[in-house]
Amino acid sequence: MSDLERFNELVDDIWEMVFGTERRPKPKRARTKKGTYQADDPTTKNYNEAYVGGKAPTRKDLLGLTKKTKKTKKTNRSK
């Protein structure tokens, strides 16, 4: 685990203690009074009504695509 990941975990823990909520909540679909999914209004460019909070997740977030680090093989070159 890198130093940045450790730092982000620490900040997330402190955020939850202070504010009582997640620092980066997962996107949640908005629902109507009947309980069905609410559609996005295309006339509002900066706000997505289909998601609570108005921000839709990216396709990479939905599919779980993240950049993977390449592992290198360690070779023993002793003769």
PDB file of N, CA and C in Angstrom:
ATOM      1  N   MET A   1       0.859  -1.182   0.000  1.00  0.00           N
ATOM      2  CA  MET A   1       0.000   0.000   0.000  1.00  0.00           C
ATOM      3  C   MET A   1       0.899   1.237   0.000  1.00  0.00           C
ATOM      4  N   SER A   2       0.590   2.137  -0.899  1.00  0.00           N
ATOM      5  CA  SER A   2       1.430   3.331  -1.016  1.00  0.00           C
ATOM      6  C   SER A   2       1.087   4.339   0.079  1.00  0.00           C
ATOM      7  N   ASP A   3       1.935   5.325   0.197  1.00  0.00           N
ATOM      8  CA  ASP A   3       1.723   6.372   1.203  1.00  0.00           C
ATOM      9  C   ASP A   3       0.455   7.166   0.915  1.00  0.00           C
ATOM     10  N   LEU A   4       0.163   7.391  -0.363  1.00  0.00           N
ATOM     11  CA  LEU A   4      -1.041   8.137  -0.741  1.00  0.00           C
ATOM     12  C   LEU A   4      -2.304   7.372  -0.351  1.00  0.00           C
ATOM     13  N   GLU A   5      -2.306   6.064  -0.567  1.00  0.00           N
ATOM     14  CA  GLU A   5      -3.465   5.257  -0.186  1.00  0.00           C
ATOM     15  C   GLU A   5      -3.666   5.258   1.328  1.00  0.00           C
ATOM     16  N   ARG A   6      -2.584   5.162   2.074  1.00  0.00           N
ATOM     17  CA  ARG A   6      -2.669   5.206   3.537  1.00  0.00           C
ATOM     18  C   ARG A   6      -3.212   6.552   4.009  1.00  0.00           C
ATOM     19  N   PHE A   7      -2.717   7.618   3.384  1.00  0.00           N
ATOM     20  CA  PHE A   7      -3.180   8.956   3.734  1.00  0.00           C
ATOM     21  C   PHE A   7      -4.679   9.105   3.439  1.00  0.00           C
ATOM     22  N   ASN A   8      -5.125   8.621   2.275  1.00  0.00           N
ATOM     23  CA  ASN A   8      -6.546   8.703   1.924  1.00  0.00           C
ATOM     24  C   ASN A   8      -7.409   7.899   2.895  1.00  0.00           C
ATOM     25  N   GLU A   9      -6.942   6.747   3.324  1.00  0.00           N
ATOM     26  CA  GLU A   9      -7.682   5.963   4.316  1.00  0.00           C
ATOM     27  C   GLU A   9      -7.793   6.719   5.636  1.00  0.00           C
ATOM     28  N   LEU A  10      -6.707   7.348   6.051  1.00  0.00           N
ATOM     29  CA  LEU A  10      -6.707   8.123   7.282  1.00  0.00           C
ATOM     30  C   LEU A  10      -7.682   9.288   7.185  1.00  0.00           C
ATOM     31  N   VAL A  11      -7.655  10.004   6.058  1.00  0.00           N
ATOM     32  CA  VAL A  11      -8.567  11.128   5.863  1.00  0.00           C
ATOM     33  C   VAL A  11     -10.017  10.641   5.837  1.00  0.00           C
ATOM     34  N   ASP A  12     -10.273   9.493   5.183  1.00  0.00           N
ATOM     35  CA  ASP A  12     -11.628   8.928   5.153  1.00  0.00           C
ATOM     36  C   ASP A  12     -12.123   8.605   6.561  1.00  0.00           C
ATOM     37  N   ASP A  13     -11.262   8.010   7.379  1.00  0.00           N
ATOM     38  CA  ASP A  13     -11.640   7.668   8.756  1.00  0.00           C
ATOM     39  C   ASP A  13     -11.939   8.913   9.583  1.00  0.00           C
ATOM     40  N   ILE A  14     -11.088   9.927   9.451  1.00  0.00           N
ATOM     41  CA  ILE A  14     -11.306  11.178  10.195  1.00  0.00           C
ATOM     42  C   ILE A  14     -12.582  11.856   9.720  1.00  0.00           C
ATOM     43  N   TRP A  15     -12.823  11.845   8.406  1.00  0.00           N
ATOM     44  CA  TRP A  15     -14.043  12.447   7.837  1.00  0.00           C
ATOM     45  C   TRP A  15     -15.283  11.791   8.435  1.00  0.00           C
ATOM     46  N   GLU A  16     -15.288  10.453   8.522  1.00  0.00           N
ATOM     47  CA  GLU A  16     -16.441   9.745   9.086  1.00  0.00           C
ATOM     48  C   GLU A  16     -16.630  10.073  10.563  1.00  0.00           C
ATOM     49  N   MET A  17     -15.531  10.224  11.314  1.00  0.00           N
ATOM     50  CA  MET A  17     -15.648  10.565  12.729  1.00  0.00           C
ATOM     51  C   MET A  17     -16.213  11.969  12.922  1.00  0.00           C
ATOM     52  N   VAL A  18     -15.772  12.908  12.100  1.00  0.00           N
ATOM     53  CA  VAL A  18     -16.182  14.302  12.265  1.00  0.00           C
ATOM     54  C   VAL A  18     -17.587  14.542  11.725  1.00  0.00           C
ATOM     55  N   PHE A  19     -17.845  14.100  10.487  1.00  0.00           N
ATOM     56  CA  PHE A  19     -19.106  14.416   9.834  1.00  0.00           C
ATOM     57  C   PHE A  19     -20.147  13.304   9.907  1.00  0.00           C
ATOM     58  N   GLY A  20     -19.737  12.085  10.199  1.00  0.00           N
ATOM     59  CA  GLY A  20     -20.673  10.973  10.315  1.00  0.00           C
ATOM     60  C   GLY A  20     -21.170  10.438   8.980  1.00  0.00           C
ATOM     61  N   THR A  21     -20.530  10.820   7.884  1.00  0.00           N
ATOM     62  CA  THR A  21     -20.902  10.313   6.560  1.00  0.00           C
ATOM     63  C   THR A  21     -19.641   9.889   5.823  1.00  0.00           C
ATOM     64  N   GLU A  22     -19.841   9.183   4.701  1.00  0.00           N
ATOM     65  CA  GLU A  22     -18.707   8.788   3.880  1.00  0.00           C
ATOM     66  C   GLU A  22     -18.139  10.008   3.178  1.00  0.00           C
ATOM     67  N   ARG A  23     -16.839  10.005   2.987  1.00  0.00           N
ATOM     68  CA  ARG A  23     -16.194  11.127   2.304  1.00  0.00           C
ATOM     69  C   ARG A  23     -16.527  11.139   0.822  1.00  0.00           C
ATOM     70  N   ARG A  24     -16.518   9.997   0.206  1.00  0.00           N
ATOM     71  CA  ARG A  24     -16.845   9.869  -1.217  1.00  0.00           C
ATOM     72  C   ARG A  24     -17.948   8.832  -1.365  1.00  0.00           C
ATOM     73  N   PRO A  25     -19.204   9.253  -1.186  1.00  0.00           N
ATOM     74  CA  PRO A  25     -20.286   8.273  -1.251  1.00  0.00           C
ATOM     75  C   PRO A  25     -20.458   7.711  -2.651  1.00  0.00           C
ATOM     76  N   LYS A  26     -20.932   6.475  -2.719  1.00  0.00           N
ATOM     77  CA  LYS A  26     -21.173   5.836  -4.004  1.00  0.00           C
ATOM     78  C   LYS A  26     -22.412   6.458  -4.641  1.00  0.00           C
ATOM     79  N   PRO A  27     -22.436   6.576  -5.963  1.00  0.00           N
ATOM     80  CA  PRO A  27     -23.598   7.158  -6.633  1.00  0.00           C
ATOM     81  C   PRO A  27     -24.842   6.304  -6.406  1.00  0.00           C
ATOM     82  N   LYS A  28     -25.953   6.959  -6.180  1.00  0.00           N
ATOM     83  CA  LYS A  28     -27.197   6.260  -5.898  1.00  0.00           C
ATOM     84  C   LYS A  28     -28.276   6.791  -6.843  1.00  0.00           C
ATOM     85  N   ARG A  29     -29.020   5.882  -7.465  1.00  0.00           N
ATOM     86  CA  ARG A  29     -30.053   6.295  -8.401  1.00  0.00           C
ATOM     87  C   ARG A  29     -31.204   6.959  -7.657  1.00  0.00           C
ATOM     88  N   ALA A  30     -31.720   8.019  -8.244  1.00  0.00           N
ATOM     89  CA  ALA A  30     -32.861   8.733  -7.664  1.00  0.00           C
ATOM     90  C   ALA A  30     -34.151   7.986  -8.021  1.00  0.00           C
ATOM     91  N   ARG A  31     -35.112   8.053  -7.123  1.00  0.00           N
ATOM     92  CA  ARG A  31     -36.390   7.375  -7.347  1.00  0.00           C
ATOM     93  C   ARG A  31     -37.538   8.373  -7.231  1.00  0.00           C
ATOM     94  N   THR A  32     -38.630   8.046  -7.918  1.00  0.00           N
ATOM     95  CA  THR A  32     -39.824   8.878  -7.845  1.00  0.00           C
ATOM     96  C   THR A  32     -40.628   8.491  -6.611  1.00  0.00           C
ATOM     97  N   LYS A  33     -41.766   9.139  -6.409  1.00  0.00           N
ATOM     98  CA  LYS A  33     -42.613   8.814  -5.254  1.00  0.00           C
ATOM     99  C   LYS A  33     -43.144   7.390  -5.329  1.00  0.00           C
ATOM    100  N   LYS A  34     -43.320   6.877  -6.550  1.00  0.00           N
ATOM    101  CA  LYS A  34     -43.808   5.502  -6.738  1.00  0.00           C
ATOM    102  C   LYS A  34     -42.707   4.464  -6.528  1.00  0.00           C
ATOM    103  N   GLY A  35     -41.467   4.912  -6.505  1.00  0.00           N
ATOM    104  CA  GLY A  35     -40.355   3.992  -6.290  1.00  0.00           C
ATOM    105  C   GLY A  35     -39.635   3.591  -7.558  1.00  0.00           C
ATOM    106  N   THR A  36     -40.062   4.091  -8.713  1.00  0.00           N
ATOM    107  CA  THR A  36     -39.368   3.775  -9.958  1.00  0.00           C
ATOM    108  C   THR A  36     -38.202   4.738 -10.146  1.00  0.00           C
ATOM    109  N   TYR A  37     -37.272   4.344 -11.021  1.00  0.00           N
ATOM    110  CA  TYR A  37     -36.122   5.203 -11.283  1.00  0.00           C
ATOM    111  C   TYR A  37     -36.556   6.498 -11.956  1.00  0.00           C
ATOM    112  N   GLN A  38     -35.926   7.585 -11.565  1.00  0.00           N
ATOM    113  CA  GLN A  38     -36.215   8.881 -12.143  1.00  0.00           C
ATOM    114  C   GLN A  38     -35.289   9.113 -13.337  1.00  0.00           C
ATOM    115  N   ALA A  39     -35.823   9.677 -14.410  1.00  0.00           N
ATOM    116  CA  ALA A  39     -35.027   9.937 -15.615  1.00  0.00           C
ATOM    117  C   ALA A  39     -34.305  11.267 -15.496  1.00  0.00           C
ATOM    118  N   ASP A  40     -33.275  11.420 -16.312  1.00  0.00           N
ATOM    119  CA  ASP A  40     -32.521  12.665 -16.361  1.00  0.00           C
ATOM    120  C   ASP A  40     -33.253  13.659 -17.259  1.00  0.00           C
ATOM    121  N   ASP A  41     -33.226  14.913 -16.865  1.00  0.00           N
ATOM    122  CA  ASP A  41     -33.815  15.977 -17.670  1.00  0.00           C
ATOM    123  C   ASP A  41     -32.706  16.544 -18.557  1.00  0.00           C
ATOM    124  N   PRO A  42     -32.788  16.352 -19.899  1.00  0.00           N
ATOM    125  CA  PRO A  42     -31.697  16.798 -20.777  1.00  0.00           C
ATOM    126  C   PRO A  42     -31.547  18.315 -20.870  1.00  0.00           C
ATOM    127  N   THR A  43     -32.521  19.086 -20.412  1.00  0.00           N
ATOM    128  CA  THR A  43     -32.410  20.541 -20.502  1.00  0.00           C
ATOM    129  C   THR A  43     -31.450  21.110 -19.459  1.00  0.00           C
ATOM    130  N   THR A  44     -31.192  20.372 -18.385  1.00  0.00           N
ATOM    131  CA  THR A  44     -30.230  20.815 -17.372  1.00  0.00           C
ATOM    132  C   THR A  44     -28.883  20.157 -17.666  1.00  0.00           C
ATOM    133  N   LYS A  45     -27.923  20.946 -18.083  1.00  0.00           N
ATOM    134  CA  LYS A  45     -26.629  20.398 -18.511  1.00  0.00           C
ATOM    135  C   LYS A  45     -25.714  20.033 -17.337  1.00  0.00           C
ATOM    136  N   ASN A  46     -25.746  20.787 -16.263  1.00  0.00           N
ATOM    137  CA  ASN A  46     -24.801  20.591 -15.166  1.00  0.00           C
ATOM    138  C   ASN A  46     -25.337  19.736 -14.031  1.00  0.00           C
ATOM    139  N   TYR A  47     -26.559  19.252 -14.146  1.00  0.00           N
ATOM    140  CA  TYR A  47     -27.152  18.486 -13.053  1.00  0.00           C
ATOM    141  C   TYR A  47     -27.854  17.261 -13.626  1.00  0.00           C
ATOM    142  N   ASN A  48     -27.639  16.119 -13.036  1.00  0.00           N
ATOM    143  CA  ASN A  48     -28.244  14.882 -13.494  1.00  0.00           C
ATOM    144  C   ASN A  48     -29.299  14.454 -12.486  1.00  0.00           C
ATOM    145  N   GLU A  49     -30.560  14.585 -12.846  1.00  0.00           N
ATOM    146  CA  GLU A  49     -31.657  14.256 -11.936  1.00  0.00           C
ATOM    147  C   GLU A  49     -31.788  12.755 -11.687  1.00  0.00           C
ATOM    148  N   ALA A  50     -31.158  11.943 -12.514  1.00  0.00           N
ATOM    149  CA  ALA A  50     -31.267  10.494 -12.370  1.00  0.00           C
ATOM    150  C   ALA A  50     -30.464   9.967 -11.182  1.00  0.00           C
ATOM    151  N   TYR A  51     -29.569  10.791 -10.627  1.00  0.00           N
ATOM    152  CA  TYR A  51     -28.759  10.364  -9.493  1.00  0.00           C
ATOM    153  C   TYR A  51     -28.919  11.325  -8.329  1.00  0.00           C
ATOM    154  N   VAL A  52     -28.922  10.764  -7.122  1.00  0.00           N
ATOM    155  CA  VAL A  52     -28.985  11.582  -5.912  1.00  0.00           C
ATOM    156  C   VAL A  52     -27.682  12.361  -5.833  1.00  0.00           C
ATOM    157  N   GLY A  53     -27.770  13.651  -5.650  1.00  0.00           N
ATOM    158  CA  GLY A  53     -26.593  14.500  -5.614  1.00  0.00           C
ATOM    159  C   GLY A  53     -26.282  15.143  -6.942  1.00  0.00           C
ATOM    160  N   GLY A  54     -26.925  14.668  -8.013  1.00  0.00           N
ATOM    161  CA  GLY A  54     -26.795  15.308  -9.310  1.00  0.00           C
ATOM    162  C   GLY A  54     -25.572  14.966 -10.114  1.00  0.00           C
ATOM    163  N   LYS A  55     -24.762  13.996  -9.678  1.00  0.00           N
ATOM    164  CA  LYS A  55     -23.567  13.641 -10.434  1.00  0.00           C
ATOM    165  C   LYS A  55     -23.601  12.152 -10.748  1.00  0.00           C
ATOM    166  N   ALA A  56     -23.584  11.841 -12.036  1.00  0.00           N
ATOM    167  CA  ALA A  56     -23.606  10.446 -12.473  1.00  0.00           C
ATOM    168  C   ALA A  56     -22.200   9.865 -12.439  1.00  0.00           C
ATOM    169  N   PRO A  57     -22.077   8.563 -12.176  1.00  0.00           N
ATOM    170  CA  PRO A  57     -20.752   7.948 -12.197  1.00  0.00           C
ATOM    171  C   PRO A  57     -20.259   7.801 -13.632  1.00  0.00           C
ATOM    172  N   THR A  58     -18.953   7.734 -13.786  1.00  0.00           N
ATOM    173  CA  THR A  58     -18.398   7.517 -15.109  1.00  0.00           C
ATOM    174  C   THR A  58     -18.540   6.046 -15.472  1.00  0.00           C
ATOM    175  N   ARG A  59     -18.404   5.752 -16.738  1.00  0.00           N
ATOM    176  CA  ARG A  59     -18.528   4.370 -17.197  1.00  0.00           C
ATOM    177  C   ARG A  59     -17.436   3.500 -16.564  1.00  0.00           C
ATOM    178  N   LYS A  60     -16.250   4.066 -16.406  1.00  0.00           N
ATOM    179  CA  LYS A  60     -15.156   3.311 -15.786  1.00  0.00           C
ATOM    180  C   LYS A  60     -15.492   2.959 -14.339  1.00  0.00           C
ATOM    181  N   ASP A  61     -16.153   3.872 -13.633  1.00  0.00           N
ATOM    182  CA  ASP A  61     -16.539   3.600 -12.248  1.00  0.00           C
ATOM    183  C   ASP A  61     -17.574   2.481 -12.189  1.00  0.00           C
ATOM    184  N   LEU A  62     -18.526   2.514 -13.105  1.00  0.00           N
ATOM    185  CA  LEU A  62     -19.574   1.497 -13.104  1.00  0.00           C
ATOM    186  C   LEU A  62     -19.033   0.109 -13.417  1.00  0.00           C
ATOM    187  N   LEU A  63     -18.088   0.039 -14.347  1.00  0.00           N
ATOM    188  CA  LEU A  63     -17.548  -1.250 -14.752  1.00  0.00           C
ATOM    189  C   LEU A  63     -16.388  -1.712 -13.887  1.00  0.00           C
ATOM    190  N   GLY A  64     -15.903  -0.831 -13.028  1.00  0.00           N
ATOM    191  CA  GLY A  64     -14.805  -1.197 -12.142  1.00  0.00           C
ATOM    192  C   GLY A  64     -13.471  -1.238 -12.857  1.00  0.00           C
ATOM    193  N   LEU A  65     -13.351  -0.470 -13.942  1.00  0.00           N
ATOM    194  CA  LEU A  65     -12.101  -0.446 -14.682  1.00  0.00           C
ATOM    195  C   LEU A  65     -11.152   0.550 -14.042  1.00  0.00           C
ATOM    196  N   THR A  66     -10.051   0.056 -13.591  1.00  0.00           N
ATOM    197  CA  THR A  66      -9.027   0.922 -13.017  1.00  0.00           C
ATOM    198  C   THR A  66      -7.696   0.560 -13.650  1.00  0.00           C
ATOM    199  N   LYS A  67      -6.778   1.463 -13.605  1.00  0.00           N
ATOM    200  CA  LYS A  67      -5.462   1.214 -14.171  1.00  0.00           C
ATOM    201  C   LYS A  67      -4.711   0.253 -13.262  1.00  0.00           C
ATOM    202  N   LYS A  68      -4.291  -0.864 -13.835  1.00  0.00           N
ATOM    203  CA  LYS A  68      -3.575  -1.862 -13.063  1.00  0.00           C
ATOM    204  C   LYS A  68      -2.078  -1.649 -13.211  1.00  0.00           C
ATOM    205  N   THR A  69      -1.376  -1.886 -12.127  1.00  0.00           N
ATOM    206  CA  THR A  69       0.070  -1.754 -12.187  1.00  0.00           C
ATOM    207  C   THR A  69       0.659  -3.045 -12.725  1.00  0.00           C
ATOM    208  N   LYS A  70       1.708  -2.899 -13.474  1.00  0.00           N
ATOM    209  CA  LYS A  70       2.339  -4.052 -14.083  1.00  0.00           C
ATOM    210  C   LYS A  70       3.379  -4.618 -13.127  1.00  0.00           C
ATOM    211  N   LYS A  71       3.304  -5.898 -12.893  1.00  0.00           N
ATOM    212  CA  LYS A  71       4.275  -6.540 -12.022  1.00  0.00           C
ATOM    213  C   LYS A  71       5.444  -7.018 -12.868  1.00  0.00           C
ATOM    214  N   THR A  72       6.618  -6.757 -12.380  1.00  0.00           N
ATOM    215  CA  THR A  72       7.820  -7.216 -13.100  1.00  0.00           C
ATOM    216  C   THR A  72       8.379  -8.431 -12.386  1.00  0.00           C
ATOM    217  N   LYS A  73       8.900  -9.325 -13.172  1.00  0.00           N
ATOM    218  CA  LYS A  73       9.501 -10.535 -12.601  1.00  0.00           C
ATOM    219  C   LYS A  73      10.920 -10.228 -12.144  1.00  0.00           C
ATOM    220  N   LYS A  74      11.236 -10.717 -10.991  1.00  0.00           N
ATOM    221  CA  LYS A  74      12.589 -10.571 -10.493  1.00  0.00           C
ATOM    222  C   LYS A  74      13.377 -11.801 -10.913  1.00  0.00           C
ATOM    223  N   THR A  75      14.441 -11.578 -11.593  1.00  0.00           N
ATOM    224  CA  THR A  75      15.258 -12.687 -12.032  1.00  0.00           C
ATOM    225  C   THR A  75      16.534 -12.764 -11.217  1.00  0.00           C
ATOM    226  N   ASN A  76      16.966 -13.945 -10.985  1.00  0.00           N
ATOM    227  CA  ASN A  76      18.198 -14.164 -10.233  1.00  0.00           C
ATOM    228  C   ASN A  76      19.314 -14.395 -11.245  1.00  0.00           C
ATOM    229  N   ARG A  77      20.199 -13.462 -11.412  1.00  0.00           N
ATOM    230  CA  ARG A  77      21.267 -13.557 -12.398  1.00  0.00           C
ATOM    231  C   ARG A  77      22.626 -13.868 -11.755  1.00  0.00           C
ATOM    232  N   SER A  78      22.623 -14.686 -10.784  1.00  0.00           N
ATOM    233  CA  SER A  78      23.909 -15.032 -10.165  1.00  0.00           C
ATOM    234  C   SER A  78      24.447 -16.292 -10.833  1.00  0.00           C
ATOM    235  N   LYS A  79      25.745 -16.291 -11.118  1.00  0.00           N
ATOM    236  CA  LYS A  79      26.385 -17.463 -11.763  1.00  0.00           C
ATOM    237  C   LYS A  79      27.462 -18.032 -10.905  1.00  0.00           C
TER     238      LYS A  79
END
